[in-house]
Amino acid sequence: MIFRLTELSGSIVHLDEVLTISARMGAATGEQTWGARYREFETKLNAAIKEAMVLGQGFSLKDAADKTELPNSE
């Protein structure tokens, strides 16, 4: 589960950058293709965020820190 959350985190950052660039290019050029690109990737970003939220339920950073600290303190 942690691997998938890490993978999703990277995807979310990437997709957010794609949306930012698409919005800026659309505003700068006025070309409709940038709007279509934005909407395509917006759907993917929303799906990644929703999946991360579902997987992240019941997972706290404190739990992860505790699991990491235990072997380090022995």
C-alpha atoms as a PDB file:
ATOM      1  CA  MET A   1       0.000   0.000   0.000  1.00  0.00           C
ATOM      2  CA  ILE A   2       2.805   2.420   0.805  1.00  0.00           C
ATOM      3  CA  PHE A   3       4.398   1.765  -2.592  1.00  0.00           C
ATOM      4  CA  ARG A   4       1.128   2.561  -4.364  1.00  0.00           C
ATOM      5  CA  LEU A   5       0.700   5.760  -2.339  1.00  0.00           C
ATOM      6  CA  THR A   6       4.230   6.795  -3.268  1.00  0.00           C
ATOM      7  CA  GLU A   7       3.507   6.042  -6.904  1.00  0.00           C
ATOM      8  CA  LEU A   8       0.275   8.033  -6.753  1.00  0.00           C
ATOM      9  CA  SER A   9       2.069  10.946  -5.116  1.00  0.00           C
ATOM     10  CA  GLY A  10       4.464  11.154  -8.053  1.00  0.00           C
ATOM     11  CA  SER A  11       1.597  10.905 -10.518  1.00  0.00           C
ATOM     12  CA  ILE A  12      -0.335  13.645  -8.740  1.00  0.00           C
ATOM     13  CA  VAL A  13       2.640  16.019  -8.876  1.00  0.00           C
ATOM     14  CA  HIS A  14       3.203  15.238 -12.557  1.00  0.00           C
ATOM     15  CA  LEU A  15      -0.453  15.630 -13.509  1.00  0.00           C
ATOM     16  CA  ASP A  16      -0.682  18.894 -11.595  1.00  0.00           C
ATOM     17  CA  GLU A  17       2.251  20.210 -13.624  1.00  0.00           C
ATOM     18  CA  VAL A  18       0.572  19.090 -16.851  1.00  0.00           C
ATOM     19  CA  LEU A  19      -2.558  21.006 -15.863  1.00  0.00           C
ATOM     20  CA  THR A  20      -0.576  24.113 -14.966  1.00  0.00           C
ATOM     21  CA  ILE A  21       1.296  24.092 -18.261  1.00  0.00           C
ATOM     22  CA  SER A  22      -1.879  23.411 -20.239  1.00  0.00           C
ATOM     23  CA  ALA A  23      -3.698  26.299 -18.552  1.00  0.00           C
ATOM     24  CA  ARG A  24      -0.802  28.691 -19.104  1.00  0.00           C
ATOM     25  CA  MET A  25      -0.342  27.694 -22.728  1.00  0.00           C
ATOM     26  CA  GLY A  26      -4.079  27.957 -23.350  1.00  0.00           C
ATOM     27  CA  ALA A  27      -4.116  31.441 -21.873  1.00  0.00           C
ATOM     28  CA  ALA A  28      -1.020  32.498 -23.808  1.00  0.00           C
ATOM     29  CA  THR A  29      -2.004  31.099 -27.200  1.00  0.00           C
ATOM     30  CA  GLY A  30      -5.789  30.948 -27.110  1.00  0.00           C
ATOM     31  CA  GLU A  31      -5.635  27.534 -28.796  1.00  0.00           C
ATOM     32  CA  GLN A  32      -8.512  25.205 -27.928  1.00  0.00           C
ATOM     33  CA  THR A  33      -6.270  22.127 -27.955  1.00  0.00           C
ATOM     34  CA  TRP A  34      -4.803  23.193 -24.618  1.00  0.00           C
ATOM     35  CA  GLY A  35      -8.276  23.225 -23.064  1.00  0.00           C
ATOM     36  CA  ALA A  36      -8.938  19.715 -24.347  1.00  0.00           C
ATOM     37  CA  ARG A  37      -5.587  18.559 -22.989  1.00  0.00           C
ATOM     38  CA  TYR A  38      -6.383  20.155 -19.641  1.00  0.00           C
ATOM     39  CA  ARG A  39      -9.734  18.363 -19.378  1.00  0.00           C
ATOM     40  CA  GLU A  40      -8.178  15.025 -20.346  1.00  0.00           C
ATOM     41  CA  PHE A  41      -5.536  15.208 -17.644  1.00  0.00           C
ATOM     42  CA  GLU A  42      -7.881  16.773 -15.090  1.00  0.00           C
ATOM     43  CA  THR A  43      -9.876  13.528 -15.122  1.00  0.00           C
ATOM     44  CA  LYS A  44      -6.701  11.515 -14.529  1.00  0.00           C
ATOM     45  CA  LEU A  45      -5.602  13.808 -11.691  1.00  0.00           C
ATOM     46  CA  ASN A  46      -8.983  13.576  -9.980  1.00  0.00           C
ATOM     47  CA  ALA A  47      -8.879   9.768 -10.213  1.00  0.00           C
ATOM     48  CA  ALA A  48      -5.358   9.639  -8.732  1.00  0.00           C
ATOM     49  CA  ILE A  49      -6.336  11.944  -5.866  1.00  0.00           C
ATOM     50  CA  LYS A  50      -9.442   9.887  -5.086  1.00  0.00           C
ATOM     51  CA  GLU A  51      -7.453   6.646  -5.083  1.00  0.00           C
ATOM     52  CA  ALA A  52      -4.809   8.165  -2.796  1.00  0.00           C
ATOM     53  CA  MET A  53      -7.506   9.354  -0.410  1.00  0.00           C
ATOM     54  CA  VAL A  54      -9.061   5.882  -0.250  1.00  0.00           C
ATOM     55  CA  LEU A  55      -5.717   4.157   0.261  1.00  0.00           C
ATOM     56  CA  GLY A  56      -4.646   6.742   2.818  1.00  0.00           C
ATOM     57  CA  GLN A  57      -7.646   6.222   5.078  1.00  0.00           C
ATOM     58  CA  GLY A  58      -6.563   4.773   8.372  1.00  0.00           C
ATOM     59  CA  PHE A  59      -2.923   5.451   7.574  1.00  0.00           C
ATOM     60  CA  SER A  60      -1.262   8.078   9.664  1.00  0.00           C
ATOM     61  CA  LEU A  61       2.206   9.522   9.551  1.00  0.00           C
ATOM     62  CA  LYS A  62       2.545   8.743  13.233  1.00  0.00           C
ATOM     63  CA  ASP A  63       2.060   5.038  12.532  1.00  0.00           C
ATOM     64  CA  ALA A  64       4.716   5.170   9.821  1.00  0.00           C
ATOM     65  CA  ALA A  65       7.090   7.104  12.073  1.00  0.00           C
ATOM     66  CA  ASP A  66       6.571   4.639  14.913  1.00  0.00           C
ATOM     67  CA  LYS A  67       7.314   1.690  12.609  1.00  0.00           C
ATOM     68  CA  THR A  68      10.461   3.398  11.382  1.00  0.00           C
ATOM     69  CA  GLU A  69      11.610   4.445  14.845  1.00  0.00           C
ATOM     70  CA  LEU A  70      11.295   1.000  16.431  1.00  0.00           C
ATOM     71  CA  PRO A  71      14.094  -0.686  14.420  1.00  0.00           C
ATOM     72  CA  ASN A  72      16.224   2.458  14.601  1.00  0.00           C
ATOM     73  CA  SER A  73      16.061   2.584  18.394  1.00  0.00           C
ATOM     74  CA  GLU A  74      17.119  -1.045  18.932  1.00  0.00           C
END
